[in-house]
Amino acid sequence: MDEIRKMLEDIGPDRFALFVYLGLIGIAILSIAGFFLLSWSWIVAIANVFIAFVIWRHVSLRRAHPRPETGRRWISRRNPSTPNTAGLPAVYFLYILGSGGHTSEMLETIKRKFVPQANAHRRYLITTGDQDSLDRLVKLECLIRRCLPGGDPRVGTVDTFRVPRARRVHQPLWTAPLSCLATAVHAVNALTREPDCRPATRHGAQFKYPHVVITNGPATGFVVCLVGHLLKLFYLVPAESRLKMVYVESWARCRSLSLTGRLFLWTGIADVFCVQHEDLARRTRGALYVGRVAAPLAPPG
């Protein structure tokens, strides 16, 4: 177990995120300089062009999302199957673990839909100080290795990444933007750092960015997905095949959406918006009913 824990926590250096940070600093310096050097007409014109570009790009990304079937208000997949991705050169998932119930549901979803394959990499994003989620994650990875003993390559590869929590329980709302900003800064690394166990010298750019980002309700998940959306919006990450956002509403939400769910629905940054209750799917336009993918299994007998 100690070996697995060490492997999960072993993350190497990153350069792409450094370039992103330097670029943001450069844009901020140029913006301040332009504010003092340019006339108001130029400032307004540049601001209008920038806003128009952001709106156009956001709408373009939203239109690329999967759409509900014609003539139906919601999509239903009563028996969702796991696609066969064994033939792909790389399959890279980023799972965002919240805490408590969010972590339990995410790990349950992974256990139910896990497909052994050597070309897969799993990255787990855990908030700083959440030792409970890390301990449960280690148990899950130990379970996977017990089911595939003897160094079976179908275990795939795995690592973790820690980010500050977007908002703690009972944290004052006026301080939330600062903690969310800290989460966003660290999220760039989590979304762009290639895994040490999948180096570019052997795999090229196949594992440079996650193919799918999965979250199920914590505020940290929304902030990370928003950062991913901005990376695609400004063409820093290929939007056609990377950072596809999948939001799975908590099993506990059977009548109404959580605050995080409403944010995902309102902003439209999730490529797929999933709910686990059919009644809620009927009330939520564009929702994908996936069944009880995270509900605890009933005991045998």
C-alpha atoms as a PDB file:
ATOM      1  CA  MET A   1       0.000   0.000   0.000  1.00  0.00           C
ATOM      2  CA  ASP A   2       2.890   2.385   0.754  1.00  0.00           C
ATOM      3  CA  GLU A   3       4.275   1.796  -2.735  1.00  0.00           C
ATOM      4  CA  ILE A   4       0.941   2.710  -4.303  1.00  0.00           C
ATOM      5  CA  ARG A   5       0.637   5.801  -2.104  1.00  0.00           C
ATOM      6  CA  LYS A   6       4.112   6.922  -3.186  1.00  0.00           C
ATOM      7  CA  MET A   7       3.229   6.348  -6.834  1.00  0.00           C
ATOM      8  CA  LEU A   8       0.044   8.378  -6.490  1.00  0.00           C
ATOM      9  CA  GLU A   9       1.821  11.313  -4.926  1.00  0.00           C
ATOM     10  CA  ASP A  10       4.807  11.332  -7.298  1.00  0.00           C
ATOM     11  CA  ILE A  11       4.225  14.234  -9.694  1.00  0.00           C
ATOM     12  CA  GLY A  12       6.982  15.740 -11.815  1.00  0.00           C
ATOM     13  CA  PRO A  13       7.687  19.269 -13.068  1.00  0.00           C
ATOM     14  CA  ASP A  14       5.511  21.128 -15.534  1.00  0.00           C
ATOM     15  CA  ARG A  15       6.389  23.777 -18.104  1.00  0.00           C
ATOM     16  CA  PHE A  16       3.207  24.413 -20.056  1.00  0.00           C
ATOM     17  CA  ALA A  17       1.437  25.831 -17.009  1.00  0.00           C
ATOM     18  CA  LEU A  18       4.411  28.142 -16.403  1.00  0.00           C
ATOM     19  CA  PHE A  19       4.001  29.533 -19.911  1.00  0.00           C
ATOM     20  CA  VAL A  20       0.290  30.063 -19.238  1.00  0.00           C
ATOM     21  CA  TYR A  21       1.056  31.959 -16.036  1.00  0.00           C
ATOM     22  CA  LEU A  22       3.693  34.106 -17.754  1.00  0.00           C
ATOM     23  CA  GLY A  23       1.245  34.794 -20.580  1.00  0.00           C
ATOM     24  CA  LEU A  24      -1.422  35.942 -18.123  1.00  0.00           C
ATOM     25  CA  ILE A  25       1.073  38.219 -16.400  1.00  0.00           C
ATOM     26  CA  GLY A  26       2.120  39.644 -19.763  1.00  0.00           C
ATOM     27  CA  ILE A  27      -1.506  40.275 -20.739  1.00  0.00           C
ATOM     28  CA  ALA A  28      -2.098  42.015 -17.405  1.00  0.00           C
ATOM     29  CA  ILE A  29       0.962  44.259 -17.892  1.00  0.00           C
ATOM     30  CA  LEU A  30      -0.070  45.136 -21.455  1.00  0.00           C
ATOM     31  CA  SER A  31      -3.627  45.856 -20.298  1.00  0.00           C
ATOM     32  CA  ILE A  32      -2.425  48.235 -17.593  1.00  0.00           C
ATOM     33  CA  ALA A  33      -0.022  49.943 -19.987  1.00  0.00           C
ATOM     34  CA  GLY A  34      -2.720  50.263 -22.627  1.00  0.00           C
ATOM     35  CA  PHE A  35      -5.123  51.763 -20.093  1.00  0.00           C
ATOM     36  CA  PHE A  36      -2.705  54.663 -19.526  1.00  0.00           C
ATOM     37  CA  LEU A  37      -1.307  55.014 -23.041  1.00  0.00           C
ATOM     38  CA  LEU A  38      -4.332  54.488 -25.310  1.00  0.00           C
ATOM     39  CA  SER A  39      -7.302  56.739 -25.793  1.00  0.00           C
ATOM     40  CA  TRP A  40     -10.712  55.729 -24.467  1.00  0.00           C
ATOM     41  CA  SER A  41     -11.981  55.031 -27.980  1.00  0.00           C
ATOM     42  CA  TRP A  42      -9.233  52.460 -28.542  1.00  0.00           C
ATOM     43  CA  ILE A  43      -9.783  50.881 -25.139  1.00  0.00           C
ATOM     44  CA  VAL A  44     -13.513  50.522 -25.784  1.00  0.00           C
ATOM     45  CA  ALA A  45     -12.915  49.112 -29.280  1.00  0.00           C
ATOM     46  CA  ILE A  46     -10.411  46.519 -28.022  1.00  0.00           C
ATOM     47  CA  ALA A  47     -12.725  45.542 -25.146  1.00  0.00           C
ATOM     48  CA  ASN A  48     -15.663  45.098 -27.535  1.00  0.00           C
ATOM     49  CA  VAL A  49     -13.623  42.904 -29.882  1.00  0.00           C
ATOM     50  CA  PHE A  50     -12.418  40.775 -26.960  1.00  0.00           C
ATOM     51  CA  ILE A  51     -15.937  40.343 -25.545  1.00  0.00           C
ATOM     52  CA  ALA A  52     -17.323  39.479 -28.978  1.00  0.00           C
ATOM     53  CA  PHE A  53     -14.612  36.860 -29.481  1.00  0.00           C
ATOM     54  CA  VAL A  54     -15.266  35.266 -26.071  1.00  0.00           C
ATOM     55  CA  ILE A  55     -19.020  35.096 -26.704  1.00  0.00           C
ATOM     56  CA  TRP A  56     -18.563  33.656 -30.196  1.00  0.00           C
ATOM     57  CA  ARG A  57     -16.078  31.052 -29.021  1.00  0.00           C
ATOM     58  CA  HIS A  58     -18.233  30.052 -26.038  1.00  0.00           C
ATOM     59  CA  VAL A  59     -21.291  29.617 -28.247  1.00  0.00           C
ATOM     60  CA  SER A  60     -19.234  27.570 -30.722  1.00  0.00           C
ATOM     61  CA  LEU A  61     -18.077  25.223 -27.952  1.00  0.00           C
ATOM     62  CA  ARG A  62     -21.623  24.830 -26.646  1.00  0.00           C
ATOM     63  CA  ARG A  63     -22.939  23.973 -30.103  1.00  0.00           C
ATOM     64  CA  ALA A  64     -20.361  21.197 -30.331  1.00  0.00           C
ATOM     65  CA  HIS A  65     -21.875  19.431 -27.293  1.00  0.00           C
ATOM     66  CA  PRO A  66     -23.977  16.298 -27.819  1.00  0.00           C
ATOM     67  CA  ARG A  67     -27.621  17.217 -28.329  1.00  0.00           C
ATOM     68  CA  PRO A  68     -30.816  15.519 -27.089  1.00  0.00           C
ATOM     69  CA  GLU A  69     -32.589  13.398 -29.654  1.00  0.00           C
ATOM     70  CA  THR A  70     -34.979  15.228 -31.922  1.00  0.00           C
ATOM     71  CA  GLY A  71     -38.455  15.614 -30.462  1.00  0.00           C
ATOM     72  CA  ARG A  72     -37.447  14.552 -26.948  1.00  0.00           C
ATOM     73  CA  ARG A  73     -36.866  16.820 -23.980  1.00  0.00           C
ATOM     74  CA  TRP A  74     -34.338  14.571 -22.305  1.00  0.00           C
ATOM     75  CA  ILE A  75     -32.064  11.700 -23.221  1.00  0.00           C
ATOM     76  CA  SER A  76     -32.425   8.351 -21.515  1.00  0.00           C
ATOM     77  CA  ARG A  77     -29.920   5.533 -21.296  1.00  0.00           C
ATOM     78  CA  ARG A  78     -31.462   3.003 -18.961  1.00  0.00           C
ATOM     79  CA  ASN A  79     -28.601   0.538 -19.375  1.00  0.00           C
ATOM     80  CA  PRO A  80     -25.534   2.667 -20.106  1.00  0.00           C
ATOM     81  CA  SER A  81     -22.657   0.574 -21.394  1.00  0.00           C
ATOM     82  CA  THR A  82     -18.964   1.346 -21.154  1.00  0.00           C
ATOM     83  CA  PRO A  83     -17.494   2.022 -24.618  1.00  0.00           C
ATOM     84  CA  ASN A  84     -14.670  -0.199 -25.835  1.00  0.00           C
ATOM     85  CA  THR A  85     -11.586   2.023 -25.942  1.00  0.00           C
ATOM     86  CA  ALA A  86      -8.956  -0.714 -25.943  1.00  0.00           C
ATOM     87  CA  GLY A  87      -8.063   0.017 -29.567  1.00  0.00           C
ATOM     88  CA  LEU A  88      -7.294   3.697 -28.973  1.00  0.00           C
ATOM     89  CA  PRO A  89      -3.664   4.830 -28.565  1.00  0.00           C
ATOM     90  CA  ALA A  90      -4.479   6.563 -25.270  1.00  0.00           C
ATOM     91  CA  VAL A  91      -7.354   6.949 -22.809  1.00  0.00           C
ATOM     92  CA  TYR A  92      -6.778   9.636 -20.202  1.00  0.00           C
ATOM     93  CA  PHE A  93      -9.359  10.356 -17.478  1.00  0.00           C
ATOM     94  CA  LEU A  94      -9.232  13.072 -14.825  1.00  0.00           C
ATOM     95  CA  TYR A  95     -11.479  12.335 -11.835  1.00  0.00           C
ATOM     96  CA  ILE A  96     -12.230  15.193  -9.434  1.00  0.00           C
ATOM     97  CA  LEU A  97     -12.778  13.937  -5.901  1.00  0.00           C
ATOM     98  CA  GLY A  98     -14.700  16.131  -3.505  1.00  0.00           C
ATOM     99  CA  SER A  99     -14.943  14.960   0.060  1.00  0.00           C
ATOM    100  CA  GLY A 100     -17.235  12.670   2.013  1.00  0.00           C
ATOM    101  CA  GLY A 101     -20.221  11.649  -0.089  1.00  0.00           C
ATOM    102  CA  HIS A 102     -18.832  13.134  -3.312  1.00  0.00           C
ATOM    103  CA  THR A 103     -15.742  10.952  -3.033  1.00  0.00           C
ATOM    104  CA  SER A 104     -17.820   7.870  -2.180  1.00  0.00           C
ATOM    105  CA  GLU A 105     -20.020   8.332  -5.250  1.00  0.00           C
ATOM    106  CA  MET A 106     -17.092   8.987  -7.581  1.00  0.00           C
ATOM    107  CA  LEU A 107     -15.180   5.909  -6.420  1.00  0.00           C
ATOM    108  CA  GLU A 108     -18.344   3.822  -6.727  1.00  0.00           C
ATOM    109  CA  THR A 109     -18.786   5.052 -10.297  1.00  0.00           C
ATOM    110  CA  ILE A 110     -15.188   4.145 -11.129  1.00  0.00           C
ATOM    111  CA  LYS A 111     -15.589   0.650  -9.675  1.00  0.00           C
ATOM    112  CA  ARG A 112     -18.754  -0.013 -11.664  1.00  0.00           C
ATOM    113  CA  LYS A 113     -17.397   1.248 -14.985  1.00  0.00           C
ATOM    114  CA  PHE A 114     -13.735   0.266 -14.719  1.00  0.00           C
ATOM    115  CA  VAL A 115     -12.380  -1.455 -17.841  1.00  0.00           C
ATOM    116  CA  PRO A 116      -8.887  -3.007 -17.600  1.00  0.00           C
ATOM    117  CA  GLN A 117      -6.699  -1.720 -20.422  1.00  0.00           C
ATOM    118  CA  ALA A 118      -3.016  -0.934 -20.737  1.00  0.00           C
ATOM    119  CA  ASN A 119      -3.526   2.286 -22.692  1.00  0.00           C
ATOM    120  CA  ALA A 120      -5.413   4.039 -19.868  1.00  0.00           C
ATOM    121  CA  HIS A 121      -4.188   6.656 -17.436  1.00  0.00           C
ATOM    122  CA  ARG A 122      -6.199   7.833 -14.437  1.00  0.00           C
ATOM    123  CA  ARG A 123      -5.473  11.131 -12.726  1.00  0.00           C
ATOM    124  CA  TYR A 124      -7.228  11.921  -9.466  1.00  0.00           C
ATOM    125  CA  LEU A 125      -7.598  15.504  -8.320  1.00  0.00           C
ATOM    126  CA  ILE A 126      -7.840  15.809  -4.529  1.00  0.00           C
ATOM    127  CA  THR A 127      -8.178  18.959  -2.433  1.00  0.00           C
ATOM    128  CA  THR A 128      -5.408  19.884  -0.036  1.00  0.00           C
ATOM    129  CA  GLY A 129      -5.859  18.348   3.389  1.00  0.00           C
ATOM    130  CA  ASP A 130      -8.394  15.730   2.275  1.00  0.00           C
ATOM    131  CA  GLN A 131      -6.570  12.717   3.651  1.00  0.00           C
ATOM    132  CA  ASP A 132      -9.761  10.646   3.825  1.00  0.00           C
ATOM    133  CA  SER A 133     -10.260  10.774   0.044  1.00  0.00           C
ATOM    134  CA  LEU A 134      -6.621   9.822  -0.529  1.00  0.00           C
ATOM    135  CA  ASP A 135      -6.898   6.846   1.837  1.00  0.00           C
ATOM    136  CA  ARG A 136     -10.044   5.576   0.111  1.00  0.00           C
ATOM    137  CA  LEU A 137      -8.430   6.101  -3.283  1.00  0.00           C
ATOM    138  CA  VAL A 138      -5.439   3.996  -2.236  1.00  0.00           C
ATOM    139  CA  LYS A 139      -7.827   1.208  -1.210  1.00  0.00           C
ATOM    140  CA  LEU A 140      -9.517   1.364  -4.613  1.00  0.00           C
ATOM    141  CA  GLU A 141      -6.213   1.133  -6.472  1.00  0.00           C
ATOM    142  CA  CYS A 142      -5.165  -1.774  -4.234  1.00  0.00           C
ATOM    143  CA  LEU A 143      -8.426  -3.514  -5.132  1.00  0.00           C
ATOM    144  CA  ILE A 144      -7.732  -3.027  -8.842  1.00  0.00           C
ATOM    145  CA  ARG A 145      -4.273  -4.547  -8.458  1.00  0.00           C
ATOM    146  CA  ARG A 146      -5.609  -7.504  -6.516  1.00  0.00           C
ATOM    147  CA  CYS A 147      -8.036  -8.207  -9.347  1.00  0.00           C
ATOM    148  CA  LEU A 148      -5.205  -7.930 -11.917  1.00  0.00           C
ATOM    149  CA  PRO A 149      -2.169  -9.442 -10.153  1.00  0.00           C
ATOM    150  CA  GLY A 150       1.261 -10.254 -11.470  1.00  0.00           C
ATOM    151  CA  GLY A 151       2.058  -6.862 -12.957  1.00  0.00           C
ATOM    152  CA  ASP A 152      -0.759  -7.058 -15.489  1.00  0.00           C
ATOM    153  CA  PRO A 153      -0.330  -4.017 -17.801  1.00  0.00           C
ATOM    154  CA  ARG A 154      -4.127  -3.681 -18.030  1.00  0.00           C
ATOM    155  CA  VAL A 155      -3.991  -2.013 -14.627  1.00  0.00           C
ATOM    156  CA  GLY A 156      -3.002   1.140 -16.499  1.00  0.00           C
ATOM    157  CA  THR A 157      -1.176   4.039 -14.881  1.00  0.00           C
ATOM    158  CA  VAL A 158      -2.301   6.466 -12.202  1.00  0.00           C
ATOM    159  CA  ASP A 159      -1.279   9.660 -10.404  1.00  0.00           C
ATOM    160  CA  THR A 160      -2.829  12.334  -8.217  1.00  0.00           C
ATOM    161  CA  PHE A 161      -2.818  16.089  -8.077  1.00  0.00           C
ATOM    162  CA  ARG A 162      -3.669  18.322  -5.132  1.00  0.00           C
ATOM    163  CA  VAL A 163      -5.383  21.706  -5.402  1.00  0.00           C
ATOM    164  CA  PRO A 164      -6.705  24.092  -2.747  1.00  0.00           C
ATOM    165  CA  ARG A 165     -10.360  23.651  -1.941  1.00  0.00           C
ATOM    166  CA  ALA A 166     -12.598  26.150  -3.759  1.00  0.00           C
ATOM    167  CA  ARG A 167     -14.814  26.762  -0.739  1.00  0.00           C
ATOM    168  CA  ARG A 168     -14.738  25.168   2.679  1.00  0.00           C
ATOM    169  CA  VAL A 169     -17.820  24.375   4.711  1.00  0.00           C
ATOM    170  CA  HIS A 170     -19.129  27.527   6.432  1.00  0.00           C
ATOM    171  CA  GLN A 171     -16.542  29.673   4.641  1.00  0.00           C
ATOM    172  CA  PRO A 172     -17.791  33.290   4.266  1.00  0.00           C
ATOM    173  CA  LEU A 173     -19.025  33.989   0.751  1.00  0.00           C
ATOM    174  CA  TRP A 174     -16.965  37.167   0.419  1.00  0.00           C
ATOM    175  CA  THR A 175     -13.748  35.135   0.716  1.00  0.00           C
ATOM    176  CA  ALA A 176     -14.844  32.450  -1.760  1.00  0.00           C
ATOM    177  CA  PRO A 177     -13.530  34.311  -4.872  1.00  0.00           C
ATOM    178  CA  LEU A 178     -10.019  34.305  -3.404  1.00  0.00           C
ATOM    179  CA  SER A 179     -10.035  30.588  -2.626  1.00  0.00           C
ATOM    180  CA  CYS A 180     -11.573  29.841  -6.036  1.00  0.00           C
ATOM    181  CA  LEU A 181      -8.781  31.841  -7.680  1.00  0.00           C
ATOM    182  CA  ALA A 182      -6.186  29.757  -5.817  1.00  0.00           C
ATOM    183  CA  THR A 183      -7.943  26.605  -7.046  1.00  0.00           C
ATOM    184  CA  ALA A 184      -7.959  27.908 -10.619  1.00  0.00           C
ATOM    185  CA  VAL A 185      -4.224  28.669 -10.554  1.00  0.00           C
ATOM    186  CA  HIS A 186      -3.388  25.127  -9.432  1.00  0.00           C
ATOM    187  CA  ALA A 187      -5.956  23.619 -11.819  1.00  0.00           C
ATOM    188  CA  VAL A 188      -3.891  24.685 -14.837  1.00  0.00           C
ATOM    189  CA  ASN A 189      -1.165  22.278 -13.722  1.00  0.00           C
ATOM    190  CA  ALA A 190      -3.617  19.448 -13.156  1.00  0.00           C
ATOM    191  CA  LEU A 191      -5.108  19.886 -16.632  1.00  0.00           C
ATOM    192  CA  THR A 192      -1.909  20.347 -18.625  1.00  0.00           C
ATOM    193  CA  ARG A 193       0.899  18.442 -16.885  1.00  0.00           C
ATOM    194  CA  GLU A 194       1.690  15.212 -18.680  1.00  0.00           C
ATOM    195  CA  PRO A 195       2.014  12.151 -16.424  1.00  0.00           C
ATOM    196  CA  ASP A 196       5.549  11.165 -15.472  1.00  0.00           C
ATOM    197  CA  CYS A 197       4.648   7.532 -16.111  1.00  0.00           C
ATOM    198  CA  ARG A 198       3.552   8.385 -19.673  1.00  0.00           C
ATOM    199  CA  PRO A 199       6.488  10.492 -20.971  1.00  0.00           C
ATOM    200  CA  ALA A 200       6.343  12.193 -24.346  1.00  0.00           C
ATOM    201  CA  THR A 201       9.486  10.324 -25.417  1.00  0.00           C
ATOM    202  CA  ARG A 202       7.442   7.105 -25.530  1.00  0.00           C
ATOM    203  CA  HIS A 203       3.887   8.273 -26.098  1.00  0.00           C
ATOM    204  CA  GLY A 204       4.234  11.584 -27.933  1.00  0.00           C
ATOM    205  CA  ALA A 205       1.376  13.967 -27.185  1.00  0.00           C
ATOM    206  CA  GLN A 206      -1.191  11.222 -26.544  1.00  0.00           C
ATOM    207  CA  PHE A 207      -1.254  11.872 -22.793  1.00  0.00           C
ATOM    208  CA  LYS A 208      -0.585  15.612 -22.833  1.00  0.00           C
ATOM    209  CA  TYR A 209      -4.136  16.565 -21.833  1.00  0.00           C
ATOM    210  CA  PRO A 210      -6.985  14.529 -20.310  1.00  0.00           C
ATOM    211  CA  HIS A 211      -9.543  13.278 -22.786  1.00  0.00           C
ATOM    212  CA  VAL A 212     -12.380  13.326 -20.241  1.00  0.00           C
ATOM    213  CA  VAL A 213     -12.800  15.290 -16.995  1.00  0.00           C
ATOM    214  CA  ILE A 214     -15.413  13.844 -14.623  1.00  0.00           C
ATOM    215  CA  THR A 215     -16.898  15.588 -11.599  1.00  0.00           C
ATOM    216  CA  ASN A 216     -19.989  15.016  -9.505  1.00  0.00           C
ATOM    217  CA  GLY A 217     -20.785  18.068  -7.456  1.00  0.00           C
ATOM    218  CA  PRO A 218     -18.017  19.703  -5.401  1.00  0.00           C
ATOM    219  CA  ALA A 219     -17.402  23.402  -6.024  1.00  0.00           C
ATOM    220  CA  THR A 220     -13.787  22.561  -6.799  1.00  0.00           C
ATOM    221  CA  GLY A 221     -15.013  20.528  -9.767  1.00  0.00           C
ATOM    222  CA  PHE A 222     -16.806  23.523 -11.260  1.00  0.00           C
ATOM    223  CA  VAL A 223     -13.742  25.758 -10.913  1.00  0.00           C
ATOM    224  CA  VAL A 224     -11.475  23.141 -12.525  1.00  0.00           C
ATOM    225  CA  CYS A 225     -13.917  22.592 -15.392  1.00  0.00           C
ATOM    226  CA  LEU A 226     -14.260  26.359 -15.869  1.00  0.00           C
ATOM    227  CA  VAL A 227     -10.475  26.612 -16.207  1.00  0.00           C
ATOM    228  CA  GLY A 228     -10.555  23.756 -18.720  1.00  0.00           C
ATOM    229  CA  HIS A 229     -13.273  25.562 -20.676  1.00  0.00           C
ATOM    230  CA  LEU A 230     -11.153  28.727 -20.786  1.00  0.00           C
ATOM    231  CA  LEU A 231      -8.145  26.756 -22.016  1.00  0.00           C
ATOM    232  CA  LYS A 232     -10.265  25.452 -24.894  1.00  0.00           C
ATOM    233  CA  LEU A 233     -11.876  28.846 -25.451  1.00  0.00           C
ATOM    234  CA  PHE A 234      -8.495  30.514 -26.067  1.00  0.00           C
ATOM    235  CA  TYR A 235      -7.176  27.606 -28.200  1.00  0.00           C
ATOM    236  CA  LEU A 236      -4.595  26.551 -25.612  1.00  0.00           C
ATOM    237  CA  VAL A 237      -5.984  22.994 -25.639  1.00  0.00           C
ATOM    238  CA  PRO A 238      -7.542  21.214 -28.651  1.00  0.00           C
ATOM    239  CA  ALA A 239     -11.284  21.395 -28.012  1.00  0.00           C
ATOM    240  CA  GLU A 240     -12.231  18.667 -30.492  1.00  0.00           C
ATOM    241  CA  SER A 241     -10.715  15.749 -28.598  1.00  0.00           C
ATOM    242  CA  ARG A 242      -9.508  16.895 -25.174  1.00  0.00           C
ATOM    243  CA  LEU A 243     -10.964  18.107 -21.875  1.00  0.00           C
ATOM    244  CA  LYS A 244     -14.472  16.816 -22.500  1.00  0.00           C
ATOM    245  CA  MET A 245     -16.394  17.760 -19.343  1.00  0.00           C
ATOM    246  CA  VAL A 246     -18.791  15.231 -17.832  1.00  0.00           C
ATOM    247  CA  TYR A 247     -20.895  16.318 -14.874  1.00  0.00           C
ATOM    248  CA  VAL A 248     -22.774  13.645 -12.905  1.00  0.00           C
ATOM    249  CA  GLU A 249     -25.319  15.057 -10.467  1.00  0.00           C
ATOM    250  CA  SER A 250     -25.207  13.507  -7.021  1.00  0.00           C
ATOM    251  CA  TRP A 251     -27.388  10.468  -6.330  1.00  0.00           C
ATOM    252  CA  ALA A 252     -28.832  12.399  -3.381  1.00  0.00           C
ATOM    253  CA  ARG A 253     -30.378  14.922  -5.772  1.00  0.00           C
ATOM    254  CA  CYS A 254     -33.641  13.340  -6.889  1.00  0.00           C
ATOM    255  CA  ARG A 255     -35.953  16.390  -7.116  1.00  0.00           C
ATOM    256  CA  SER A 256     -33.760  19.421  -7.766  1.00  0.00           C
ATOM    257  CA  LEU A 257     -30.242  20.236  -8.894  1.00  0.00           C
ATOM    258  CA  SER A 258     -27.444  21.199  -6.533  1.00  0.00           C
ATOM    259  CA  LEU A 259     -25.866  24.653  -6.727  1.00  0.00           C
ATOM    260  CA  THR A 260     -22.931  23.190  -8.656  1.00  0.00           C
ATOM    261  CA  GLY A 261     -25.343  21.449 -11.011  1.00  0.00           C
ATOM    262  CA  ARG A 262     -27.202  24.690 -11.655  1.00  0.00           C
ATOM    263  CA  LEU A 263     -23.905  26.453 -12.389  1.00  0.00           C
ATOM    264  CA  PHE A 264     -22.926  23.776 -14.912  1.00  0.00           C
ATOM    265  CA  LEU A 265     -26.350  23.939 -16.534  1.00  0.00           C
ATOM    266  CA  TRP A 266     -26.442  27.741 -16.645  1.00  0.00           C
ATOM    267  CA  THR A 267     -22.922  28.182 -18.036  1.00  0.00           C
ATOM    268  CA  GLY A 268     -23.145  25.246 -20.428  1.00  0.00           C
ATOM    269  CA  ILE A 269     -19.496  24.268 -19.952  1.00  0.00           C
ATOM    270  CA  ALA A 270     -20.265  20.562 -19.436  1.00  0.00           C
ATOM    271  CA  ASP A 271     -20.209  18.525 -22.639  1.00  0.00           C
ATOM    272  CA  VAL A 272     -22.471  15.931 -20.984  1.00  0.00           C
ATOM    273  CA  PHE A 273     -24.794  16.694 -18.059  1.00  0.00           C
ATOM    274  CA  CYS A 274     -25.888  13.490 -16.299  1.00  0.00           C
ATOM    275  CA  VAL A 275     -28.512  12.835 -13.647  1.00  0.00           C
ATOM    276  CA  GLN A 276     -29.285   9.588 -11.835  1.00  0.00           C
ATOM    277  CA  HIS A 277     -33.055   9.976 -11.349  1.00  0.00           C
ATOM    278  CA  GLU A 278     -35.555   9.807 -14.186  1.00  0.00           C
ATOM    279  CA  ASP A 279     -37.920  12.363 -12.679  1.00  0.00           C
ATOM    280  CA  LEU A 280     -35.103  14.885 -12.385  1.00  0.00           C
ATOM    281  CA  ALA A 281     -34.097  14.178 -15.994  1.00  0.00           C
ATOM    282  CA  ARG A 282     -37.638  15.014 -17.110  1.00  0.00           C
ATOM    283  CA  ARG A 283     -37.453  18.366 -15.319  1.00  0.00           C
ATOM    284  CA  THR A 284     -33.977  19.254 -16.608  1.00  0.00           C
ATOM    285  CA  ARG A 285     -33.681  20.214 -20.241  1.00  0.00           C
ATOM    286  CA  GLY A 286     -30.733  18.534 -21.970  1.00  0.00           C
ATOM    287  CA  ALA A 287     -30.015  16.153 -19.082  1.00  0.00           C
ATOM    288  CA  LEU A 288     -28.781  12.642 -19.744  1.00  0.00           C
ATOM    289  CA  TYR A 289     -30.412  10.007 -17.547  1.00  0.00           C
ATOM    290  CA  VAL A 290     -27.725   7.424 -16.789  1.00  0.00           C
ATOM    291  CA  GLY A 291     -29.351   5.457 -13.978  1.00  0.00           C
ATOM    292  CA  ARG A 292     -27.829   4.643 -10.612  1.00  0.00           C
ATOM    293  CA  VAL A 293     -24.182   4.831 -11.575  1.00  0.00           C
ATOM    294  CA  ALA A 294     -23.089   6.051  -8.131  1.00  0.00           C
ATOM    295  CA  ALA A 295     -25.708   4.617  -5.760  1.00  0.00           C
ATOM    296  CA  PRO A 296     -24.404   2.007  -3.289  1.00  0.00           C
ATOM    297  CA  LEU A 297     -25.124  -1.547  -4.385  1.00  0.00           C
ATOM    298  CA  ALA A 298     -27.555  -3.522  -2.288  1.00  0.00           C
ATOM    299  CA  PRO A 299     -25.948  -6.275  -0.195  1.00  0.00           C
ATOM    300  CA  PRO A 300     -26.195  -9.750  -1.758  1.00  0.00           C
ATOM    301  CA  GLY A 301     -29.180 -11.827  -0.750  1.00  0.00           C
END
